[in-house]
Amino acid sequence: MKAAVISERGAAPVVQEFPEPAPQEGAVLIDMDTAGLGGWDVLGAYRLGVQYPCVIRGEGVGRAPDGRRVYFGERSVMPFGAWAERTLVPADEVWNVPEEVDDKTAITMGIAATGALVPLEQANIQRGEQVLVLGATGTLGQVALQLARYLGAGRVVAAARSAETLQRLKTRGIADEVVALGSENDVAALKDAAGDGFDVVLDLVCGQPMLNALKATRWGARIMTIGTGAGRQINLDIADLLFRTLSCVGTGQRPPADRRAIWERLLRIARTENIHVDYADYTLDQAAAAWASQIAGPHAKITARIRG
């Protein structure tokens, strides 16, 4: 079968022939239709200790042998993955996709949207509060802005480095205000956007942007950190955290049944709230280009048609 194959850790994928998965007890063979790609894929952290070559894992939508249209996340049976004509996935990770849900929405409401909803709910947003999303131009950030409003935020502010993408989010009404990071004084820019202070910060980048954002929060603020794109180590002045809480939230280590329930709930929210994100569309043959775009930061959810 044709697949996007990684030959060693850190290598870009090459589209080539790869052995077909064989049926396995407790797993489902899936004929792939659409695959997704995210930051976790290109970081390659899940590949520690695995044997190469392997297929890009990703997440995707396809057809089970009984004809069901199904979604699965980044838990395919190694060395298989979503970026191939067929893959093999543990049965409890294979979830039915409602007919009214398109492939892209099913994928986006999986890993990315779960990563937004879990920490935002833990932050316990009160009606009317101000929420800042750091790293807001990526898929998770775009979803988070919309979910924050759904959960009761009175004002949502997007901060990131891409001024063009930020302005697009503001024009579409996804963000009430935007802050382009990377200026001579990001702290002043964040404080100006915050008014009397942010109540909740969803931090997708950590590093200096998170430290800067702390200075624009009010007493009682909750800072939820779930990403490290701007650095994993910080030099924190504890005075900036006084009367605030800082939490590092993991979103993926939940039983399959719990993650499935969250995903099914997010599908309903996406429909009722008209959740929308930007997409960058590829084909399986364009896997290397999609990979490079994800590394560069696409400000969009990358998906690829595997068939059709």
Protein backbone atom coordinates (compact mmCIF):
# COMPACT_ATOMS: atom_id res chain seq x y z
CA MET A 1 0.00 0.00 0.00
CA LYS A 2 1.02 3.63 -0.38
CA ALA A 3 2.04 5.39 2.86
CA ALA A 4 3.97 8.39 4.23
CA VAL A 5 6.89 6.64 5.91
CA ILE A 6 9.42 7.93 8.45
CA SER A 7 12.73 6.09 8.26
CA GLU A 8 14.30 7.42 11.47
CA ARG A 9 13.52 9.76 14.35
CA GLY A 10 13.49 13.36 13.15
CA ALA A 11 13.37 12.47 9.45
CA ALA A 12 10.80 13.92 7.06
CA PRO A 13 8.30 11.44 5.61
CA VAL A 14 8.66 9.85 2.19
CA VAL A 15 5.65 8.51 0.30
CA GLN A 16 6.41 4.93 -0.70
CA GLU A 17 5.11 1.38 -0.62
CA PHE A 18 4.69 -0.06 2.87
CA PRO A 19 3.50 -3.50 4.07
CA GLU A 20 -0.25 -3.82 4.57
CA PRO A 21 -1.51 -4.28 8.15
CA ALA A 22 -2.82 -7.76 8.88
CA PRO A 23 -5.99 -8.40 10.89
CA GLN A 24 -5.33 -8.58 14.62
CA GLU A 25 -7.56 -9.55 17.51
CA GLY A 26 -8.75 -6.49 19.43
CA ALA A 27 -7.95 -4.12 16.57
CA VAL A 28 -9.85 -2.74 13.56
CA LEU A 29 -8.56 -2.54 10.00
CA ILE A 30 -9.50 0.84 8.54
CA ASP A 31 -9.55 1.96 4.90
CA MET A 32 -8.45 5.57 5.16
CA ASP A 33 -10.31 8.55 3.71
CA THR A 34 -8.87 11.62 5.49
CA ALA A 35 -5.85 12.04 7.76
CA GLY A 36 -4.91 14.87 10.10
CA LEU A 37 -1.51 16.15 11.20
CA GLY A 38 -0.58 18.06 14.36
CA GLY A 39 2.32 19.37 16.36
CA TRP A 40 2.65 16.15 18.35
CA ASP A 41 3.33 14.25 15.12
CA VAL A 42 6.28 16.37 14.01
CA LEU A 43 7.70 16.55 17.53
CA GLY A 44 7.90 12.78 17.42
CA ALA A 45 7.77 12.34 21.18
CA TYR A 46 5.49 9.31 20.91
CA ARG A 47 8.05 7.55 18.74
CA LEU A 48 10.64 7.18 21.48
CA GLY A 49 11.68 3.54 21.60
CA VAL A 50 9.73 2.45 18.51
CA GLN A 51 11.10 0.59 15.55
CA TYR A 52 11.57 2.27 12.18
CA PRO A 53 10.39 2.57 9.49
CA CYS A 54 6.88 3.60 10.53
CA VAL A 55 3.94 5.50 9.08
CA ILE A 56 3.04 9.00 10.30
CA ARG A 57 0.52 8.24 13.01
CA GLY A 58 -1.72 11.33 13.00
CA GLU A 59 -5.46 10.92 13.36
CA GLY A 60 -8.07 10.21 10.77
CA VAL A 61 -11.43 9.13 9.42
CA GLY A 62 -12.04 6.02 7.35
CA ARG A 63 -14.20 2.93 6.91
CA ALA A 64 -14.21 -0.17 9.11
CA PRO A 65 -14.70 -3.62 7.48
CA ASP A 66 -18.41 -3.53 8.38
CA GLY A 67 -18.85 -0.24 6.52
CA ARG A 68 -18.95 2.03 9.54
CA ARG A 69 -17.45 5.49 9.09
CA VAL A 70 -15.06 5.89 12.01
CA TYR A 71 -12.61 8.29 13.66
CA PHE A 72 -9.46 7.43 15.58
CA GLY A 73 -6.74 9.46 17.29
CA GLU A 74 -2.99 9.00 17.64
CA ARG A 75 -3.14 5.46 18.94
CA SER A 76 -2.86 3.25 15.89
CA VAL A 77 -0.98 -0.04 16.18
CA MET A 78 2.68 0.57 15.39
CA PRO A 79 4.19 0.78 12.83
CA PHE A 80 0.95 1.85 11.13
CA GLY A 81 -0.74 5.24 11.10
CA ALA A 82 -3.30 7.51 9.52
CA TRP A 83 -1.13 8.62 6.60
CA ALA A 84 -1.54 5.43 4.60
CA GLU A 85 -4.19 3.72 2.50
CA ARG A 86 -4.97 1.35 5.38
CA THR A 87 -4.20 1.26 9.07
CA LEU A 88 -4.80 -0.82 12.20
CA VAL A 89 -6.24 0.70 15.38
CA PRO A 90 -7.15 -0.76 18.80
CA ALA A 91 -10.91 -1.35 18.85
CA ASP A 92 -11.59 0.91 21.86
CA GLU A 93 -9.96 3.82 20.00
CA VAL A 94 -12.30 3.49 16.98
CA TRP A 95 -15.35 5.74 17.32
CA ASN A 96 -18.36 6.01 15.00
CA VAL A 97 -18.71 9.32 13.12
CA PRO A 98 -22.28 10.65 12.82
CA GLU A 99 -23.32 10.96 9.18
CA GLU A 100 -23.97 14.69 9.51
CA VAL A 101 -20.36 15.32 10.63
CA ASP A 102 -17.75 15.87 7.92
CA ASP A 103 -14.28 14.32 8.10
CA LYS A 104 -12.46 17.56 8.94
CA THR A 105 -14.75 18.38 11.84
CA ALA A 106 -14.47 14.85 13.22
CA ILE A 107 -10.68 15.20 13.18
CA THR A 108 -10.53 18.74 14.57
CA MET A 109 -12.86 17.91 17.47
CA GLY A 110 -10.55 15.07 18.48
CA ILE A 111 -7.09 15.82 19.82
CA ALA A 112 -7.02 19.61 19.28
CA ALA A 113 -10.46 20.48 20.62
CA THR A 114 -10.07 18.12 23.57
CA GLY A 115 -6.83 19.92 24.38
CA ALA A 116 -8.77 23.18 24.55
CA LEU A 117 -11.92 22.06 26.36
CA VAL A 118 -10.32 20.16 29.25
CA PRO A 119 -8.16 23.01 30.64
CA LEU A 120 -10.82 25.66 29.97
CA GLU A 121 -13.34 23.68 32.02
CA GLN A 122 -10.76 23.16 34.76
CA ALA A 123 -10.28 26.94 34.82
CA ASN A 124 -13.96 27.25 35.81
CA ILE A 125 -14.68 30.33 33.71
CA GLN A 126 -17.32 32.53 35.32
CA ARG A 127 -19.83 34.37 33.19
CA GLY A 128 -18.41 37.64 31.89
CA GLU A 129 -14.76 36.94 32.73
CA GLN A 130 -11.87 37.92 30.45
CA VAL A 131 -9.93 35.05 28.84
CA LEU A 132 -6.56 35.30 27.09
CA VAL A 133 -5.37 32.55 24.73
CA LEU A 134 -1.60 32.54 24.16
CA GLY A 135 -0.62 30.90 20.87
CA ALA A 136 -4.11 31.52 19.55
CA THR A 137 -3.52 31.21 15.82
CA GLY A 138 -3.04 27.43 15.72
CA THR A 139 -5.88 24.93 15.56
CA LEU A 140 -6.11 24.42 19.31
CA GLY A 141 -6.01 28.18 19.91
CA GLN A 142 -8.72 28.93 17.36
CA VAL A 143 -10.99 26.33 18.91
CA ALA A 144 -10.16 27.55 22.43
CA LEU A 145 -11.24 31.12 21.67
CA GLN A 146 -14.65 29.87 20.58
CA LEU A 147 -15.03 27.40 23.44
CA ALA A 148 -14.11 30.07 26.00
CA ARG A 149 -17.03 32.18 24.81
CA TYR A 150 -19.30 29.10 24.85
CA LEU A 151 -18.27 28.47 28.48
CA GLY A 152 -19.29 31.98 29.51
CA ALA A 153 -16.36 34.31 28.86
CA GLY A 154 -17.48 37.88 28.37
CA ARG A 155 -14.39 38.88 26.41
CA VAL A 156 -11.78 36.74 24.64
CA VAL A 157 -8.36 38.00 23.57
CA ALA A 158 -6.01 36.23 21.15
CA ALA A 159 -2.23 36.62 21.38
CA ALA A 160 0.33 35.14 18.99
CA ARG A 161 3.13 36.16 16.64
CA SER A 162 1.24 36.20 13.33
CA ALA A 163 -0.40 39.63 13.07
CA GLU A 164 -2.11 38.67 9.81
CA THR A 165 -3.78 35.59 11.25
CA LEU A 166 -4.74 37.45 14.41
CA GLN A 167 -6.46 40.15 12.40
CA ARG A 168 -8.39 37.49 10.51
CA LEU A 169 -9.62 36.04 13.82
CA LYS A 170 -10.75 39.48 14.96
CA THR A 171 -12.48 40.23 11.65
CA ARG A 172 -14.40 36.97 11.89
CA GLY A 173 -15.49 37.77 15.43
CA ILE A 174 -13.64 34.83 16.97
CA ALA A 175 -11.56 37.22 19.12
CA ASP A 176 -12.69 40.50 20.66
CA GLU A 177 -9.14 41.85 20.72
CA VAL A 178 -5.73 40.65 19.51
CA VAL A 179 -2.14 41.13 20.62
CA ALA A 180 0.71 40.57 18.17
CA LEU A 181 3.61 39.23 20.23
CA GLY A 182 7.24 40.02 19.46
CA SER A 183 7.02 43.79 19.96
CA GLU A 184 9.49 45.86 21.98
CA ASN A 185 7.14 45.66 24.98
CA ASP A 186 4.81 42.67 24.94
CA VAL A 187 3.93 43.21 28.61
CA ALA A 188 2.57 46.67 27.87
CA ALA A 189 0.62 45.37 24.87
CA LEU A 190 -0.95 42.59 26.94
CA LYS A 191 -1.80 44.95 29.79
CA ASP A 192 -3.40 47.36 27.35
CA ALA A 193 -5.58 44.58 25.94
CA ALA A 194 -6.42 43.30 29.43
CA GLY A 195 -7.86 46.47 30.88
CA ASP A 196 -8.21 45.66 34.58
CA GLY A 197 -6.69 42.20 34.07
CA PHE A 198 -7.32 38.76 32.61
CA ASP A 199 -9.19 36.25 34.72
CA VAL A 200 -8.10 33.15 32.80
CA VAL A 201 -5.06 32.52 30.61
CA LEU A 202 -4.94 29.44 28.40
CA ASP A 203 -1.23 29.19 27.70
CA LEU A 204 -0.28 27.06 24.69
CA VAL A 205 3.36 28.19 24.45
CA CYS A 206 4.90 28.65 27.95
CA GLY A 207 8.31 30.41 28.05
CA GLN A 208 8.56 34.19 28.14
CA PRO A 209 5.07 34.81 26.69
CA MET A 210 3.52 33.08 29.68
CA LEU A 211 5.63 35.13 32.10
CA ASN A 212 4.60 38.31 30.28
CA ALA A 213 0.94 37.33 30.41
CA LEU A 214 1.11 36.82 34.17
CA LYS A 215 1.76 40.54 34.56
CA ALA A 216 -1.53 41.28 32.78
CA THR A 217 -3.70 39.15 35.11
CA ARG A 218 -5.72 40.17 38.14
CA TRP A 219 -5.88 38.57 41.58
CA GLY A 220 -7.69 35.27 41.41
CA ALA A 221 -6.56 34.58 37.84
CA ARG A 222 -6.13 30.96 36.70
CA ILE A 223 -3.30 30.21 34.27
CA MET A 224 -3.61 26.87 32.49
CA THR A 225 -0.42 25.79 30.68
CA ILE A 226 -0.67 22.96 28.14
CA GLY A 227 2.11 23.68 25.60
CA THR A 228 5.81 24.49 25.48
CA GLY A 229 6.42 25.93 22.01
CA ALA A 230 8.15 29.05 23.40
CA GLY A 231 10.26 27.15 25.93
CA ARG A 232 9.95 24.58 28.69
CA GLN A 233 12.01 26.41 31.33
CA ILE A 234 10.93 29.69 32.92
CA ASN A 235 12.47 32.09 35.43
CA LEU A 236 9.38 32.89 37.49
CA ASP A 237 9.18 35.76 39.95
CA ILE A 238 6.83 34.29 42.54
CA ALA A 239 5.41 37.76 43.22
CA ASP A 240 3.78 37.65 39.77
CA LEU A 241 1.91 34.51 40.84
CA LEU A 242 0.70 35.93 44.15
CA PHE A 243 -3.06 35.31 44.63
CA ARG A 244 -3.17 33.45 41.31
CA THR A 245 -2.95 29.78 40.34
CA LEU A 246 -0.74 28.18 37.70
CA SER A 247 -1.60 24.68 36.50
CA CYS A 248 0.13 22.40 34.00
CA VAL A 249 -2.63 20.34 32.38
CA GLY A 250 -2.28 17.07 30.51
CA THR A 251 -5.21 16.27 28.25
CA GLY A 252 -4.44 12.94 26.61
CA GLN A 253 -3.92 10.43 29.42
CA ARG A 254 -7.54 9.47 29.89
CA PRO A 255 -9.30 6.14 29.29
CA PRO A 256 -10.66 5.73 25.74
CA ALA A 257 -14.28 5.85 26.95
CA ASP A 258 -13.68 9.22 28.63
CA ARG A 259 -11.97 10.68 25.56
CA ARG A 260 -14.74 9.37 23.35
CA ALA A 261 -17.38 11.05 25.52
CA ILE A 262 -15.51 14.36 25.32
CA TRP A 263 -15.20 14.03 21.53
CA GLU A 264 -18.90 13.25 21.10
CA ARG A 265 -19.78 16.25 23.25
CA LEU A 266 -17.46 18.46 21.18
CA LEU A 267 -19.15 17.31 17.97
CA ARG A 268 -22.45 18.55 19.39
CA ILE A 269 -20.90 21.85 20.50
CA ALA A 270 -19.28 22.35 17.10
CA ARG A 271 -22.69 22.03 15.46
CA THR A 272 -24.68 24.20 17.85
CA GLU A 273 -22.00 26.90 18.22
CA ASN A 274 -20.79 26.77 14.61
CA ILE A 275 -17.17 26.21 15.66
CA HIS A 276 -14.88 27.01 12.73
CA VAL A 277 -11.12 26.77 12.16
CA ASP A 278 -8.83 27.40 9.20
CA TYR A 279 -7.68 24.37 7.20
CA ALA A 280 -4.70 23.59 5.00
CA ASP A 281 -5.56 20.77 2.60
CA TYR A 282 -3.11 18.26 1.12
CA THR A 283 -3.08 14.81 -0.43
CA LEU A 284 -1.13 11.74 0.67
CA ASP A 285 1.41 12.40 -2.08
CA GLN A 286 2.05 15.83 -0.53
CA ALA A 287 2.97 14.42 2.89
CA ALA A 288 6.46 15.98 2.90
CA ALA A 289 5.02 19.43 2.17
CA ALA A 290 2.38 19.00 4.87
CA TRP A 291 5.08 17.93 7.33
CA ALA A 292 7.21 21.00 6.54
CA SER A 293 4.18 23.27 6.91
CA GLN A 294 3.37 21.82 10.34
CA ILE A 295 6.94 22.41 11.50
CA ALA A 296 6.82 26.02 10.25
CA GLY A 297 3.49 26.67 11.98
CA PRO A 298 0.58 26.63 9.53
CA HIS A 299 -1.98 28.63 11.60
CA ALA A 300 -4.45 26.02 10.33
CA LYS A 301 -5.42 22.39 10.80
CA ILE A 302 -3.58 20.22 8.27
CA THR A 303 -5.64 17.47 6.70
CA ALA A 304 -5.02 15.22 3.71
CA ARG A 305 -7.28 13.23 1.43
CA ILE A 306 -5.95 9.69 1.34
CA ARG A 307 -8.51 8.46 -1.18
CA GLY A 308 -10.70 10.27 -3.68
